[in-house]
C-alpha atoms as a PDB file:
ATOM      1  CA  MET A   1     -13.355-109.134  -6.238  1.00  0.00           C
ATOM      2  CA  PRO A   2     -11.521-106.194  -7.804  1.00  0.00           C
ATOM      3  CA  SER A   3     -12.192-102.756  -6.484  1.00  0.00           C
ATOM      4  CA  PRO A   4     -15.143-100.877  -8.309  1.00  0.00           C
ATOM      5  CA  GLU A   5     -12.798 -97.966  -8.688  1.00  0.00           C
ATOM      6  CA  ARG A   6     -10.666 -99.853 -11.176  1.00  0.00           C
ATOM      7  CA  HIS A   7     -11.401 -98.213 -14.589  1.00  0.00           C
ATOM      8  CA  ILE A   8     -10.713-100.251 -17.714  1.00  0.00           C
ATOM      9  CA  LEU A   9     -10.780 -99.068 -21.294  1.00  0.00           C
ATOM     10  CA  VAL A  10     -11.612-101.808 -23.750  1.00  0.00           C
ATOM     11  CA  VAL A  11     -10.661-101.018 -27.313  1.00  0.00           C
ATOM     12  CA  ASP A  12     -11.969-103.458 -30.054  1.00  0.00           C
ATOM     13  CA  ASP A  13     -13.577-102.809 -33.502  1.00  0.00           C
ATOM     14  CA  ASP A  14     -15.748-105.861 -33.096  1.00  0.00           C
ATOM     15  CA  ASP A  15     -19.143-104.702 -31.601  1.00  0.00           C
ATOM     16  CA  ARG A  16     -19.918-108.146 -30.141  1.00  0.00           C
ATOM     17  CA  ILE A  17     -16.547-108.723 -28.532  1.00  0.00           C
ATOM     18  CA  ARG A  18     -16.501-105.203 -27.180  1.00  0.00           C
ATOM     19  CA  GLY A  19     -20.057-105.664 -25.759  1.00  0.00           C
ATOM     20  CA  LEU A  20     -19.207-109.041 -24.166  1.00  0.00           C
ATOM     21  CA  LEU A  21     -15.904-107.775 -22.574  1.00  0.00           C
ATOM     22  CA  LYS A  22     -17.636-104.656 -21.243  1.00  0.00           C
ATOM     23  CA  GLU A  23     -20.511-106.823 -19.689  1.00  0.00           C
ATOM     24  CA  TYR A  24     -18.193-109.500 -18.343  1.00  0.00           C
ATOM     25  CA  LEU A  25     -15.723-107.142 -16.714  1.00  0.00           C
ATOM     26  CA  ALA A  26     -18.524-105.009 -15.272  1.00  0.00           C
ATOM     27  CA  ARG A  27     -19.986-108.152 -13.628  1.00  0.00           C
ATOM     28  CA  ASN A  28     -16.615-108.710 -11.984  1.00  0.00           C
ATOM     29  CA  GLY A  29     -16.508-105.351 -10.212  1.00  0.00           C
ATOM     30  CA  PHE A  30     -14.717-103.105 -12.823  1.00  0.00           C
ATOM     31  CA  ARG A  31     -15.810 -99.742 -14.202  1.00  0.00           C
ATOM     32  CA  VAL A  32     -15.630-100.185 -17.982  1.00  0.00           C
ATOM     33  CA  THR A  33     -15.572 -97.827 -20.937  1.00  0.00           C
ATOM     34  CA  ALA A  34     -15.391 -99.001 -24.514  1.00  0.00           C
ATOM     35  CA  ALA A  35     -13.966 -97.571 -27.711  1.00  0.00           C
ATOM     36  CA  ALA A  36     -14.441 -98.945 -31.339  1.00  0.00           C
ATOM     37  CA  ASP A  37     -11.065 -97.788 -32.624  1.00  0.00           C
ATOM     38  CA  ALA A  38      -7.812 -96.093 -31.755  1.00  0.00           C
ATOM     39  CA  ALA A  39      -9.005 -92.644 -32.612  1.00  0.00           C
ATOM     40  CA  GLN A  40     -11.886 -92.895 -30.113  1.00  0.00           C
ATOM     41  CA  ALA A  41      -9.532 -94.403 -27.478  1.00  0.00           C
ATOM     42  CA  ARG A  42      -7.187 -91.471 -27.856  1.00  0.00           C
ATOM     43  CA  ARG A  43      -9.984 -88.952 -27.291  1.00  0.00           C
ATOM     44  CA  LEU A  44     -11.085 -90.908 -24.126  1.00  0.00           C
ATOM     45  CA  LEU A  45      -7.498 -91.117 -22.838  1.00  0.00           C
ATOM     46  CA  ASP A  46      -7.171 -87.378 -23.218  1.00  0.00           C
ATOM     47  CA  LEU A  47     -10.402 -86.898 -21.040  1.00  0.00           C
ATOM     48  CA  LEU A  48     -10.174 -89.703 -18.497  1.00  0.00           C
ATOM     49  CA  ASP A  49      -7.806 -91.698 -16.360  1.00  0.00           C
ATOM     50  CA  PHE A  50      -7.708 -95.387 -16.691  1.00  0.00           C
ATOM     51  CA  ASP A  51      -6.217 -98.173 -14.589  1.00  0.00           C
ATOM     52  CA  LEU A  52      -5.768-100.500 -17.565  1.00  0.00           C
ATOM     53  CA  LEU A  53      -6.198-100.712 -21.332  1.00  0.00           C
ATOM     54  CA  VAL A  54      -7.461-103.959 -22.960  1.00  0.00           C
ATOM     55  CA  LEU A  55      -7.021-103.522 -26.710  1.00  0.00           C
ATOM     56  CA  ASP A  56      -7.216-105.478 -29.936  1.00  0.00           C
ATOM     57  CA  VAL A  57      -4.333-105.399 -32.400  1.00  0.00           C
ATOM     58  CA  MET A  58      -6.151-105.747 -35.727  1.00  0.00           C
ATOM     59  CA  MET A  59      -8.307-102.612 -36.020  1.00  0.00           C
ATOM     60  CA  PRO A  60      -9.110-100.408 -39.045  1.00  0.00           C
ATOM     61  CA  GLY A  61      -6.877 -97.362 -39.250  1.00  0.00           C
ATOM     62  CA  GLU A  62      -4.339 -97.278 -36.426  1.00  0.00           C
ATOM     63  CA  ASP A  63      -3.607-100.716 -35.051  1.00  0.00           C
ATOM     64  CA  GLY A  64      -3.119-101.735 -31.327  1.00  0.00           C
ATOM     65  CA  PHE A  65       0.684-101.847 -31.541  1.00  0.00           C
ATOM     66  CA  SER A  66       0.747 -98.192 -32.545  1.00  0.00           C
ATOM     67  CA  LEU A  67      -1.719 -97.231 -29.926  1.00  0.00           C
ATOM     68  CA  THR A  68       0.247 -98.974 -27.263  1.00  0.00           C
ATOM     69  CA  ARG A  69       3.392 -97.037 -28.250  1.00  0.00           C
ATOM     70  CA  TRP A  70       1.450 -93.834 -27.949  1.00  0.00           C
ATOM     71  CA  VAL A  71       0.042 -94.740 -24.554  1.00  0.00           C
ATOM     72  CA  ARG A  72       3.554 -95.682 -23.291  1.00  0.00           C
ATOM     73  CA  GLU A  73       4.913 -92.335 -24.474  1.00  0.00           C
ATOM     74  CA  ARG A  74       2.360 -90.601 -22.365  1.00  0.00           C
ATOM     75  CA  GLY A  75       2.840 -92.507 -19.147  1.00  0.00           C
ATOM     76  CA  VAL A  76       2.725 -95.909 -17.539  1.00  0.00           C
ATOM     77  CA  THR A  77      -0.859 -97.086 -17.864  1.00  0.00           C
ATOM     78  CA  PRO A  78      -0.867-100.835 -18.089  1.00  0.00           C
ATOM     79  CA  VAL A  79      -1.779-102.353 -21.502  1.00  0.00           C
ATOM     80  CA  LEU A  80      -3.053-105.898 -22.227  1.00  0.00           C
ATOM     81  CA  ILE A  81      -3.172-106.649 -25.863  1.00  0.00           C
ATOM     82  CA  LEU A  82      -5.727-109.063 -27.432  1.00  0.00           C
ATOM     83  CA  THR A  83      -5.101-110.560 -30.880  1.00  0.00           C
ATOM     84  CA  ALA A  84      -5.859-113.442 -33.256  1.00  0.00           C
ATOM     85  CA  ARG A  85      -2.214-113.374 -34.195  1.00  0.00           C
ATOM     86  CA  GLY A  86      -0.606-115.702 -31.690  1.00  0.00           C
ATOM     87  CA  LEU A  87       2.847-116.314 -33.342  1.00  0.00           C
ATOM     88  CA  PRO A  88       5.943-115.775 -31.224  1.00  0.00           C
ATOM     89  CA  ASP A  89       7.125-112.869 -33.404  1.00  0.00           C
ATOM     90  CA  ASP A  90       3.757-111.088 -32.903  1.00  0.00           C
ATOM     91  CA  ARG A  91       3.935-111.664 -29.127  1.00  0.00           C
ATOM     92  CA  ILE A  92       7.500-110.202 -29.084  1.00  0.00           C
ATOM     93  CA  GLU A  93       6.287-107.134 -31.094  1.00  0.00           C
ATOM     94  CA  GLY A  94       3.370-106.660 -28.700  1.00  0.00           C
ATOM     95  CA  LEU A  95       5.582-106.672 -25.634  1.00  0.00           C
ATOM     96  CA  SER A  96       8.299-104.582 -27.310  1.00  0.00           C
ATOM     97  CA  THR A  97       5.689-101.812 -27.747  1.00  0.00           C
ATOM     98  CA  GLY A  98       5.489-101.519 -24.005  1.00  0.00           C
ATOM     99  CA  ALA A  99       2.441-103.899 -23.428  1.00  0.00           C
ATOM    100  CA  ASP A 100       2.244-105.574 -20.030  1.00  0.00           C
ATOM    101  CA  ASP A 101       0.780-108.793 -21.378  1.00  0.00           C
ATOM    102  CA  TYR A 102      -0.473-110.451 -24.547  1.00  0.00           C
ATOM    103  CA  LEU A 103      -3.431-112.854 -24.887  1.00  0.00           C
ATOM    104  CA  SER A 104      -4.298-114.657 -28.129  1.00  0.00           C
ATOM    105  CA  LYS A 105      -7.826-115.026 -29.345  1.00  0.00           C
ATOM    106  CA  PRO A 106      -9.981-117.077 -28.709  1.00  0.00           C
ATOM    107  CA  PHE A 107      -9.470-117.001 -24.953  1.00  0.00           C
ATOM    108  CA  GLU A 108     -11.406-117.987 -21.838  1.00  0.00           C
ATOM    109  CA  PRO A 109     -12.942-114.992 -20.049  1.00  0.00           C
ATOM    110  CA  GLN A 110     -11.642-116.304 -16.720  1.00  0.00           C
ATOM    111  CA  GLU A 111      -8.003-116.312 -18.091  1.00  0.00           C
ATOM    112  CA  LEU A 112      -8.479-112.703 -19.188  1.00  0.00           C
ATOM    113  CA  LEU A 113      -9.728-111.756 -15.753  1.00  0.00           C
ATOM    114  CA  LEU A 114      -6.769-113.469 -14.017  1.00  0.00           C
ATOM    115  CA  ARG A 115      -4.341-111.727 -16.333  1.00  0.00           C
ATOM    116  CA  ILE A 116      -5.983-108.313 -15.673  1.00  0.00           C
ATOM    117  CA  GLU A 117      -5.818-108.892 -11.913  1.00  0.00           C
ATOM    118  CA  ALA A 118      -2.187-109.923 -12.037  1.00  0.00           C
ATOM    119  CA  ILE A 119      -1.289-106.814 -14.140  1.00  0.00           C
ATOM    120  CA  LEU A 120      -3.104-104.511 -11.661  1.00  0.00           C
ATOM    121  CA  ARG A 121      -1.368-106.154  -8.791  1.00  0.00           C
ATOM    122  CA  ARG A 122       1.986-105.515 -10.314  1.00  0.00           C
ATOM    123  CA  ALA A 123       0.926-101.931 -11.146  1.00  0.00           C
ATOM    124  CA  GLY A 124      -0.124-101.254  -7.569  1.00  0.00           C
ATOM    125  CA  GLY A 125       3.375 -99.944  -6.875  1.00  0.00           C
ATOM    126  CA  ARG A 126       3.918 -98.470 -10.238  1.00  0.00           C
ATOM    127  CA  PRO A 127       4.536 -94.721 -10.019  1.00  0.00           C
ATOM    128  CA  ALA A 128       2.365 -92.294 -12.000  1.00  0.00           C
ATOM    129  CA  ALA A 129       3.804 -90.389 -14.938  1.00  0.00           C
ATOM    130  CA  GLY A 130       6.340 -87.862 -13.853  1.00  0.00           C
ATOM    131  CA  ARG A 131       6.937 -89.544 -10.429  1.00  0.00           C
ATOM    132  CA  ARG A 132      10.294 -90.706  -9.109  1.00  0.00           C
ATOM    133  CA  VAL A 133      11.388 -94.298  -8.373  1.00  0.00           C
ATOM    134  CA  SER A 134      13.409 -94.539  -5.264  1.00  0.00           C
ATOM    135  CA  LEU A 135      16.663 -96.636  -5.434  1.00  0.00           C
ATOM    136  CA  GLY A 136      18.416 -96.153  -2.099  1.00  0.00           C
ATOM    137  CA  ASP A 137      20.563 -92.993  -2.330  1.00  0.00           C
ATOM    138  CA  PHE A 138      19.373 -92.501  -5.986  1.00  0.00           C
ATOM    139  CA  ALA A 139      16.003 -91.686  -7.618  1.00  0.00           C
ATOM    140  CA  PHE A 140      14.943 -92.032 -11.212  1.00  0.00           C
ATOM    141  CA  ASP A 141      12.652 -89.401 -12.666  1.00  0.00           C
ATOM    142  CA  LEU A 142      10.421 -91.146 -15.256  1.00  0.00           C
ATOM    143  CA  GLU A 143       9.185 -87.944 -16.949  1.00  0.00           C
ATOM    144  CA  ARG A 144      12.788 -86.619 -17.554  1.00  0.00           C
ATOM    145  CA  SER A 145      14.389 -90.049 -17.871  1.00  0.00           C
ATOM    146  CA  GLN A 146      16.998 -88.641 -15.356  1.00  0.00           C
ATOM    147  CA  LEU A 147      18.848 -90.400 -12.583  1.00  0.00           C
ATOM    148  CA  LEU A 148      19.506 -88.242  -9.478  1.00  0.00           C
ATOM    149  CA  GLN A 149      21.695 -88.622  -6.416  1.00  0.00           C
ATOM    150  CA  GLY A 150      19.926 -86.239  -4.108  1.00  0.00           C
ATOM    151  CA  ASP A 151      19.432 -83.227  -6.324  1.00  0.00           C
ATOM    152  CA  THR A 152      22.512 -83.875  -8.405  1.00  0.00           C
ATOM    153  CA  PRO A 153      21.978 -85.521 -11.878  1.00  0.00           C
ATOM    154  CA  VAL A 154      23.936 -88.614 -12.633  1.00  0.00           C
ATOM    155  CA  ARG A 155      25.179 -88.961 -16.213  1.00  0.00           C
ATOM    156  CA  LEU A 156      23.540 -91.703 -18.152  1.00  0.00           C
ATOM    157  CA  THR A 157      24.084 -92.705 -21.748  1.00  0.00           C
ATOM    158  CA  GLU A 158      20.978 -92.704 -23.996  1.00  0.00           C
ATOM    159  CA  GLY A 159      20.944 -96.466 -23.912  1.00  0.00           C
ATOM    160  CA  GLU A 160      21.167 -96.628 -20.072  1.00  0.00           C
ATOM    161  CA  ALA A 161      18.413 -94.097 -19.717  1.00  0.00           C
ATOM    162  CA  LYS A 162      16.039 -96.050 -22.019  1.00  0.00           C
ATOM    163  CA  LEU A 163      16.720 -99.173 -20.310  1.00  0.00           C
ATOM    164  CA  LEU A 164      16.267 -97.761 -16.867  1.00  0.00           C
ATOM    165  CA  LYS A 165      13.095 -96.099 -17.855  1.00  0.00           C
ATOM    166  CA  ARG A 166      11.549 -99.310 -19.287  1.00  0.00           C
ATOM    167  CA  LEU A 167      12.366-101.173 -16.121  1.00  0.00           C
ATOM    168  CA  ALA A 168      11.088 -98.310 -13.983  1.00  0.00           C
ATOM    169  CA  GLN A 169       7.822 -98.323 -15.845  1.00  0.00           C
ATOM    170  CA  ASN A 170       7.253-101.952 -14.700  1.00  0.00           C
ATOM    171  CA  PRO A 171       8.710-102.275 -11.232  1.00  0.00           C
ATOM    172  CA  HIS A 172       8.921-105.734  -9.698  1.00  0.00           C
ATOM    173  CA  ALA A 173       8.122-107.273 -12.996  1.00  0.00           C
ATOM    174  CA  ALA A 174      10.633-109.473 -14.953  1.00  0.00           C
ATOM    175  CA  ILE A 175      11.138-108.099 -18.467  1.00  0.00           C
ATOM    176  CA  ASP A 176      12.463-110.250 -21.369  1.00  0.00           C
ATOM    177  CA  ARG A 177      16.034-109.362 -22.505  1.00  0.00           C
ATOM    178  CA  VAL A 178      14.560-109.436 -26.134  1.00  0.00           C
ATOM    179  CA  VAL A 179      12.064-106.738 -25.186  1.00  0.00           C
ATOM    180  CA  LEU A 180      14.723-104.663 -23.508  1.00  0.00           C
ATOM    181  CA  ALA A 181      17.049-105.003 -26.515  1.00  0.00           C
ATOM    182  CA  GLN A 182      14.429-103.646 -29.003  1.00  0.00           C
ATOM    183  CA  ASP A 183      16.165-100.414 -29.490  1.00  0.00           C
ATOM    184  CA  GLU A 184      19.627-102.053 -29.958  1.00  0.00           C
ATOM    185  CA  ALA A 185      21.330-103.275 -33.128  1.00  0.00           C
ATOM    186  CA  ASP A 186      22.286-106.375 -31.245  1.00  0.00           C
ATOM    187  CA  ASN A 187      18.879-107.859 -30.450  1.00  0.00           C
ATOM    188  CA  ALA A 188      20.490-110.912 -28.796  1.00  0.00           C
ATOM    189  CA  GLY A 189      20.687-108.780 -25.627  1.00  0.00           C
ATOM    190  CA  ARG A 190      24.482-108.417 -25.179  1.00  0.00           C
ATOM    191  CA  ALA A 191      24.268-104.670 -25.323  1.00  0.00           C
ATOM    192  CA  VAL A 192      21.581-104.733 -22.666  1.00  0.00           C
ATOM    193  CA  ASP A 193      23.905-106.909 -20.446  1.00  0.00           C
ATOM    194  CA  VAL A 194      26.578-104.209 -20.869  1.00  0.00           C
ATOM    195  CA  GLN A 195      24.227-101.442 -19.994  1.00  0.00           C
ATOM    196  CA  VAL A 196      22.986-103.355 -16.852  1.00  0.00           C
ATOM    197  CA  THR A 197      26.558-103.725 -15.672  1.00  0.00           C
ATOM    198  CA  ARG A 198      27.165 -99.999 -16.072  1.00  0.00           C
ATOM    199  CA  LEU A 199      23.949 -99.114 -14.305  1.00  0.00           C
ATOM    200  CA  ARG A 200      24.716-101.354 -11.427  1.00  0.00           C
ATOM    201  CA  ARG A 201      28.109 -99.549 -10.998  1.00  0.00           C
ATOM    202  CA  LYS A 202      26.086 -96.307 -10.721  1.00  0.00           C
ATOM    203  CA  ILE A 203      23.116 -97.231  -8.494  1.00  0.00           C
ATOM    204  CA  GLU A 204      24.083-100.325  -6.498  1.00  0.00           C
ATOM    205  CA  PRO A 205      25.951-100.140  -3.111  1.00  0.00           C
ATOM    206  CA  ASP A 206      27.500-103.533  -4.068  1.00  0.00           C
ATOM    207  CA  PRO A 207      27.285-104.014  -7.909  1.00  0.00           C
ATOM    208  CA  ALA A 208      28.357-107.709  -7.567  1.00  0.00           C
ATOM    209  CA  ASN A 209      25.231-108.445  -5.347  1.00  0.00           C
ATOM    210  CA  PRO A 210      22.645-106.107  -6.888  1.00  0.00           C
ATOM    211  CA  ARG A 211      19.740-104.962  -4.615  1.00  0.00           C
ATOM    212  CA  TYR A 212      17.828-103.003  -7.217  1.00  0.00           C
ATOM    213  CA  LEU A 213      18.577-104.115 -10.649  1.00  0.00           C
ATOM    214  CA  GLN A 214      18.182-107.900 -10.453  1.00  0.00           C
ATOM    215  CA  THR A 215      18.817-110.652 -12.927  1.00  0.00           C
ATOM    216  CA  VAL A 216      15.841-113.038 -13.416  1.00  0.00           C
ATOM    217  CA  ARG A 217      17.374-116.245 -14.710  1.00  0.00           C
ATOM    218  CA  GLY A 218      16.117-117.473 -18.104  1.00  0.00           C
ATOM    219  CA  VAL A 219      14.094-114.283 -18.590  1.00  0.00           C
ATOM    220  CA  GLY A 220      15.842-111.003 -18.288  1.00  0.00           C
ATOM    221  CA  TYR A 221      15.956-108.191 -15.660  1.00  0.00           C
ATOM    222  CA  MET A 222      13.788-106.675 -12.992  1.00  0.00           C
ATOM    223  CA  LEU A 223      13.897-103.353 -11.164  1.00  0.00           C
ATOM    224  CA  THR A 224      12.966-103.531  -7.445  1.00  0.00           C
ATOM    225  CA  PRO A 225      12.712-100.121  -6.063  1.00  0.00           C
ATOM    226  CA  ASP A 226      12.279 -99.148  -2.413  1.00  0.00           C
END
């Protein structure tokens, strides 16, 4: 059973779904707070720390995609998106906002629980906002998007810094090349491949046999910090 200290924020404008999720997750050992819209969620996020957000996409006013982007700008709190829109393009949009996972409605409560537990396991080693990710002789500061060797900054291009930050926000998790390429004109991922090659030359003891910035065949890339 999950630790009772795990605090989840559920954001859904549907009173029934919000109540059911809150009851179900509470029965499974989580502390749960609920919000009816993005505005209320923002206020709660300014006041409290959460281990995970479970949020609906289709809400009046600000939608879940926009809220996820705002959450991701603030730090690395994991986000699980729920939506009735299950098309591949919608899934890609959800993941490209920085969400950790995407679950289409209707769903089985047990599947939701399993996905939440998987996200929290991956997030167990995830650094808090402003912390550094250790990469051998190097460290990446997430707050400043800065790579350091000791106390000396290592020059990164804007694209390299964005890519490394996205990977560092989700350590030990494979991230799709399409998601990593969202800020690039070439959304096929070729620009990402070039940036990965350059980053490996900067952080890897042996770029040909990467220890930290690994390729996940058929998916994309994964950062495996110390």
